[in-house]
Amino acid sequence: MKKLIILLFAILPLGVFAQEAKIAYVNVGEIFNAMPEMAAIEQQMAELNEKYTTELRQMQDEYTKKYQDFVAQQDSLTENIKLRRMQEIEDIRARMDNFVPIAQQDVQQRQQELLMPVQDKIQNAIKAVGEENGYTYIIDPSVFLYTSDNAINATQKVRTKLGL
């Protein structure tokens, strides 16, 4: 009996805390897409992608031209010139192979640099809305499989805080 009373006193505060927790959710993806900065970021990323695509296309064109020239002329070339041209073709191929992962890494890094201020702005707005409204937790429903009907949709409050 004594153990039951101790257990009840131990569990009782948990029930009180659980009732006080206010849970809200914010659709961060929706807010992210509505941010005015996103149009400029998308434009900058498209331009960077185009630059890398153009550069790669030029390398591919150079490779194709040198390879076709080599194939067309290989019977009339001396062994020394054949080896030198084959080496040139291989060098272009190696440059292309090295270029792609470096370009991808640069694009990802640039995108992260551009998105960081927007992410911080959204995070600060979510934090401010949470503090103003006394929310214990604010979650993104896209991360969870289930969001309770008891949770408050604070997306509009965050949008208002951001001036969207």
C-alpha atoms as a PDB file:
ATOM      1  CA  MET A   1       0.000   0.000   0.000  1.00  0.00           C
ATOM      2  CA  LYS A   2       2.822   2.327   0.901  1.00  0.00           C
ATOM      3  CA  LYS A   3       4.481   1.656  -2.478  1.00  0.00           C
ATOM      4  CA  LEU A   4       1.237   2.484  -4.284  1.00  0.00           C
ATOM      5  CA  ILE A   5       0.985   5.867  -2.529  1.00  0.00           C
ATOM      6  CA  ILE A   6       4.620   6.682  -3.370  1.00  0.00           C
ATOM      7  CA  LEU A   7       4.006   5.681  -6.982  1.00  0.00           C
ATOM      8  CA  LEU A   8       0.931   7.922  -7.179  1.00  0.00           C
ATOM      9  CA  PHE A   9       2.897  10.878  -5.801  1.00  0.00           C
ATOM     10  CA  ALA A  10       5.659  10.203  -8.330  1.00  0.00           C
ATOM     11  CA  ILE A  11       3.267   9.987 -11.300  1.00  0.00           C
ATOM     12  CA  LEU A  12       1.006  12.883 -10.290  1.00  0.00           C
ATOM     13  CA  PRO A  13       3.479  15.659 -11.236  1.00  0.00           C
ATOM     14  CA  LEU A  14       3.983  14.077 -14.674  1.00  0.00           C
ATOM     15  CA  GLY A  15       0.283  14.413 -15.421  1.00  0.00           C
ATOM     16  CA  VAL A  16       0.337  18.065 -14.400  1.00  0.00           C
ATOM     17  CA  PHE A  17       3.304  18.813 -16.672  1.00  0.00           C
ATOM     18  CA  ALA A  18       1.780  16.926 -19.599  1.00  0.00           C
ATOM     19  CA  GLN A  19      -1.385  19.041 -19.380  1.00  0.00           C
ATOM     20  CA  GLU A  20       0.640  22.262 -19.468  1.00  0.00           C
ATOM     21  CA  ALA A  21       2.603  21.398 -22.598  1.00  0.00           C
ATOM     22  CA  LYS A  22       1.456  23.374 -25.609  1.00  0.00           C
ATOM     23  CA  ILE A  23       2.462  21.792 -28.880  1.00  0.00           C
ATOM     24  CA  ALA A  24       2.339  23.650 -32.153  1.00  0.00           C
ATOM     25  CA  TYR A  25       3.453  22.800 -35.639  1.00  0.00           C
ATOM     26  CA  VAL A  26       4.819  24.914 -38.454  1.00  0.00           C
ATOM     27  CA  ASN A  27       5.022  23.891 -42.087  1.00  0.00           C
ATOM     28  CA  VAL A  28       8.585  25.089 -42.650  1.00  0.00           C
ATOM     29  CA  GLY A  29       8.596  24.055 -46.311  1.00  0.00           C
ATOM     30  CA  GLU A  30       5.585  26.249 -47.039  1.00  0.00           C
ATOM     31  CA  ILE A  31       7.213  29.216 -45.319  1.00  0.00           C
ATOM     32  CA  PHE A  32      10.537  28.570 -47.016  1.00  0.00           C
ATOM     33  CA  ASN A  33       8.926  28.628 -50.454  1.00  0.00           C
ATOM     34  CA  ALA A  34       7.046  31.838 -49.619  1.00  0.00           C
ATOM     35  CA  MET A  35      10.170  33.737 -48.618  1.00  0.00           C
ATOM     36  CA  PRO A  36      10.911  36.571 -51.083  1.00  0.00           C
ATOM     37  CA  GLU A  37      14.639  35.790 -50.969  1.00  0.00           C
ATOM     38  CA  MET A  38      14.013  32.404 -52.562  1.00  0.00           C
ATOM     39  CA  ALA A  39      13.471  33.846 -56.047  1.00  0.00           C
ATOM     40  CA  ALA A  40      16.887  35.539 -55.987  1.00  0.00           C
ATOM     41  CA  ILE A  41      18.532  32.404 -54.573  1.00  0.00           C
ATOM     42  CA  GLU A  42      16.957  30.220 -57.250  1.00  0.00           C
ATOM     43  CA  GLN A  43      18.149  32.683 -59.924  1.00  0.00           C
ATOM     44  CA  GLN A  44      21.700  32.659 -58.579  1.00  0.00           C
ATOM     45  CA  MET A  45      21.718  28.871 -58.394  1.00  0.00           C
ATOM     46  CA  ALA A  46      20.392  28.587 -61.950  1.00  0.00           C
ATOM     47  CA  GLU A  47      23.148  30.913 -63.176  1.00  0.00           C
ATOM     48  CA  LEU A  48      25.828  28.935 -61.337  1.00  0.00           C
ATOM     49  CA  ASN A  49      24.484  25.649 -62.713  1.00  0.00           C
ATOM     50  CA  GLU A  50      24.465  27.143 -66.214  1.00  0.00           C
ATOM     51  CA  LYS A  51      28.100  28.238 -65.873  1.00  0.00           C
ATOM     52  CA  TYR A  52      29.180  24.753 -64.849  1.00  0.00           C
ATOM     53  CA  THR A  53      27.049  23.141 -67.548  1.00  0.00           C
ATOM     54  CA  THR A  54      28.588  25.424 -70.190  1.00  0.00           C
ATOM     55  CA  GLU A  55      32.095  24.665 -68.950  1.00  0.00           C
ATOM     56  CA  LEU A  56      31.457  20.915 -69.002  1.00  0.00           C
ATOM     57  CA  ARG A  57      29.898  21.147 -72.457  1.00  0.00           C
ATOM     58  CA  GLN A  58      33.016  22.945 -73.738  1.00  0.00           C
ATOM     59  CA  MET A  59      35.229  20.209 -72.308  1.00  0.00           C
ATOM     60  CA  GLN A  60      33.047  17.541 -73.906  1.00  0.00           C
ATOM     61  CA  ASP A  61      33.149  19.339 -77.266  1.00  0.00           C
ATOM     62  CA  GLU A  62      36.944  19.607 -77.057  1.00  0.00           C
ATOM     63  CA  TYR A  63      37.183  15.933 -76.160  1.00  0.00           C
ATOM     64  CA  THR A  64      34.883  14.878 -79.004  1.00  0.00           C
ATOM     65  CA  LYS A  65      36.715  17.013 -81.575  1.00  0.00           C
ATOM     66  CA  LYS A  66      40.180  15.798 -80.546  1.00  0.00           C
ATOM     67  CA  TYR A  67      39.010  12.193 -80.448  1.00  0.00           C
ATOM     68  CA  GLN A  68      37.365  12.405 -83.889  1.00  0.00           C
ATOM     69  CA  ASP A  69      40.454  14.129 -85.333  1.00  0.00           C
ATOM     70  CA  PHE A  70      42.649  11.448 -83.829  1.00  0.00           C
ATOM     71  CA  VAL A  71      40.538   8.597 -85.227  1.00  0.00           C
ATOM     72  CA  ALA A  72      40.459  10.210 -88.665  1.00  0.00           C
ATOM     73  CA  GLN A  73      44.221  10.830 -88.759  1.00  0.00           C
ATOM     74  CA  GLN A  74      45.662   7.968 -86.731  1.00  0.00           C
ATOM     75  CA  ASP A  75      46.784   5.955 -89.767  1.00  0.00           C
ATOM     76  CA  SER A  76      48.898   8.837 -91.055  1.00  0.00           C
ATOM     77  CA  LEU A  77      50.443   9.829 -87.710  1.00  0.00           C
ATOM     78  CA  THR A  78      53.802   8.701 -86.431  1.00  0.00           C
ATOM     79  CA  GLU A  79      53.859   6.636 -83.256  1.00  0.00           C
ATOM     80  CA  ASN A  80      55.246   9.541 -81.213  1.00  0.00           C
ATOM     81  CA  ILE A  81      52.472  11.923 -82.330  1.00  0.00           C
ATOM     82  CA  LYS A  82      49.826   9.218 -81.761  1.00  0.00           C
ATOM     83  CA  LEU A  83      51.004   8.771 -78.171  1.00  0.00           C
ATOM     84  CA  ARG A  84      51.043  12.528 -77.558  1.00  0.00           C
ATOM     85  CA  ARG A  85      47.512  12.979 -78.952  1.00  0.00           C
ATOM     86  CA  MET A  86      46.211  10.004 -77.005  1.00  0.00           C
ATOM     87  CA  GLN A  87      47.693  11.595 -73.889  1.00  0.00           C
ATOM     88  CA  GLU A  88      45.964  14.917 -74.714  1.00  0.00           C
ATOM     89  CA  ILE A  89      42.649  13.112 -75.096  1.00  0.00           C
ATOM     90  CA  GLU A  90      43.180  11.258 -71.822  1.00  0.00           C
ATOM     91  CA  ASP A  91      44.068  14.521 -70.055  1.00  0.00           C
ATOM     92  CA  ILE A  92      40.813  16.116 -71.225  1.00  0.00           C
ATOM     93  CA  ARG A  93      38.905  13.053 -70.034  1.00  0.00           C
ATOM     94  CA  ALA A  94      40.597  13.241 -66.628  1.00  0.00           C
ATOM     95  CA  ARG A  95      39.768  16.959 -66.351  1.00  0.00           C
ATOM     96  CA  MET A  96      36.120  16.192 -67.081  1.00  0.00           C
ATOM     97  CA  ASP A  97      36.071  13.381 -64.529  1.00  0.00           C
ATOM     98  CA  ASN A  98      37.561  15.694 -61.880  1.00  0.00           C
ATOM     99  CA  PHE A  99      35.371  18.625 -62.855  1.00  0.00           C
ATOM    100  CA  VAL A 100      31.982  17.024 -62.162  1.00  0.00           C
ATOM    101  CA  PRO A 101      32.396  16.230 -58.436  1.00  0.00           C
ATOM    102  CA  ILE A 102      34.130  19.549 -57.780  1.00  0.00           C
ATOM    103  CA  ALA A 103      31.313  21.414 -59.541  1.00  0.00           C
ATOM    104  CA  GLN A 104      28.675  19.483 -57.581  1.00  0.00           C
ATOM    105  CA  GLN A 105      30.428  20.233 -54.308  1.00  0.00           C
ATOM    106  CA  ASP A 106      30.731  23.920 -55.190  1.00  0.00           C
ATOM    107  CA  VAL A 107      27.040  24.137 -56.110  1.00  0.00           C
ATOM    108  CA  GLN A 108      26.017  22.483 -52.840  1.00  0.00           C
ATOM    109  CA  GLN A 109      28.294  24.748 -50.821  1.00  0.00           C
ATOM    110  CA  ARG A 110      27.012  27.876 -52.555  1.00  0.00           C
ATOM    111  CA  GLN A 111      23.399  26.794 -52.050  1.00  0.00           C
ATOM    112  CA  GLN A 112      24.057  26.231 -48.364  1.00  0.00           C
ATOM    113  CA  GLU A 113      25.682  29.684 -48.067  1.00  0.00           C
ATOM    114  CA  LEU A 114      22.703  31.331 -49.746  1.00  0.00           C
ATOM    115  CA  LEU A 115      20.081  29.425 -47.751  1.00  0.00           C
ATOM    116  CA  MET A 116      21.700  29.859 -44.337  1.00  0.00           C
ATOM    117  CA  PRO A 117      20.414  33.429 -43.733  1.00  0.00           C
ATOM    118  CA  VAL A 118      16.891  32.418 -44.792  1.00  0.00           C
ATOM    119  CA  GLN A 119      16.979  29.389 -42.508  1.00  0.00           C
ATOM    120  CA  ASP A 120      18.190  31.547 -39.620  1.00  0.00           C
ATOM    121  CA  LYS A 121      15.448  34.097 -40.276  1.00  0.00           C
ATOM    122  CA  ILE A 122      12.759  31.402 -40.246  1.00  0.00           C
ATOM    123  CA  GLN A 123      14.249  29.763 -37.155  1.00  0.00           C
ATOM    124  CA  ASN A 124      14.287  33.086 -35.293  1.00  0.00           C
ATOM    125  CA  ALA A 125      10.662  33.764 -36.274  1.00  0.00           C
ATOM    126  CA  ILE A 126       9.597  30.302 -35.080  1.00  0.00           C
ATOM    127  CA  LYS A 127      11.419  30.850 -31.793  1.00  0.00           C
ATOM    128  CA  ALA A 128       9.779  34.272 -31.328  1.00  0.00           C
ATOM    129  CA  VAL A 129       6.294  32.867 -32.045  1.00  0.00           C
ATOM    130  CA  GLY A 130       6.958  30.020 -29.624  1.00  0.00           C
ATOM    131  CA  GLU A 131       8.013  32.380 -26.865  1.00  0.00           C
ATOM    132  CA  GLU A 132       5.151  34.821 -27.494  1.00  0.00           C
ATOM    133  CA  ASN A 133       2.510  32.102 -27.418  1.00  0.00           C
ATOM    134  CA  GLY A 134       4.027  29.904 -24.712  1.00  0.00           C
ATOM    135  CA  TYR A 135       4.483  26.833 -26.900  1.00  0.00           C
ATOM    136  CA  THR A 136       6.492  24.063 -25.277  1.00  0.00           C
ATOM    137  CA  TYR A 137       7.300  22.441 -28.612  1.00  0.00           C
ATOM    138  CA  ILE A 138       7.038  23.553 -32.213  1.00  0.00           C
ATOM    139  CA  ILE A 139       7.489  20.751 -34.726  1.00  0.00           C
ATOM    140  CA  ASP A 140       7.533  20.437 -38.481  1.00  0.00           C
ATOM    141  CA  PRO A 141       4.779  17.974 -39.457  1.00  0.00           C
ATOM    142  CA  SER A 142       6.767  16.761 -42.464  1.00  0.00           C
ATOM    143  CA  VAL A 143       9.240  15.182 -40.025  1.00  0.00           C
ATOM    144  CA  PHE A 144       6.595  13.243 -38.092  1.00  0.00           C
ATOM    145  CA  LEU A 145       4.233  10.579 -39.334  1.00  0.00           C
ATOM    146  CA  TYR A 146       1.378  11.799 -37.168  1.00  0.00           C
ATOM    147  CA  THR A 147       0.417  15.176 -35.761  1.00  0.00           C
ATOM    148  CA  SER A 148      -2.312  15.262 -33.127  1.00  0.00           C
ATOM    149  CA  ASP A 149      -5.467  17.300 -33.581  1.00  0.00           C
ATOM    150  CA  ASN A 150      -4.555  18.913 -30.259  1.00  0.00           C
ATOM    151  CA  ALA A 151      -1.475  20.523 -31.811  1.00  0.00           C
ATOM    152  CA  ILE A 152      -1.829  24.149 -32.869  1.00  0.00           C
ATOM    153  CA  ASN A 153      -1.027  25.187 -36.425  1.00  0.00           C
ATOM    154  CA  ALA A 154       1.344  28.126 -35.940  1.00  0.00           C
ATOM    155  CA  THR A 155       2.347  28.401 -39.594  1.00  0.00           C
ATOM    156  CA  GLN A 156       0.307  31.558 -40.173  1.00  0.00           C
ATOM    157  CA  LYS A 157       1.716  33.181 -37.036  1.00  0.00           C
ATOM    158  CA  VAL A 158       5.259  32.570 -38.277  1.00  0.00           C
ATOM    159  CA  ARG A 159       4.331  33.862 -41.739  1.00  0.00           C
ATOM    160  CA  THR A 160       2.926  37.012 -40.119  1.00  0.00           C
ATOM    161  CA  LYS A 161       6.070  37.406 -38.011  1.00  0.00           C
ATOM    162  CA  LEU A 162       8.119  37.240 -41.226  1.00  0.00           C
ATOM    163  CA  GLY A 163       5.827  39.666 -43.005  1.00  0.00           C
ATOM    164  CA  LEU A 164       4.626  37.124 -45.574  1.00  0.00           C
END
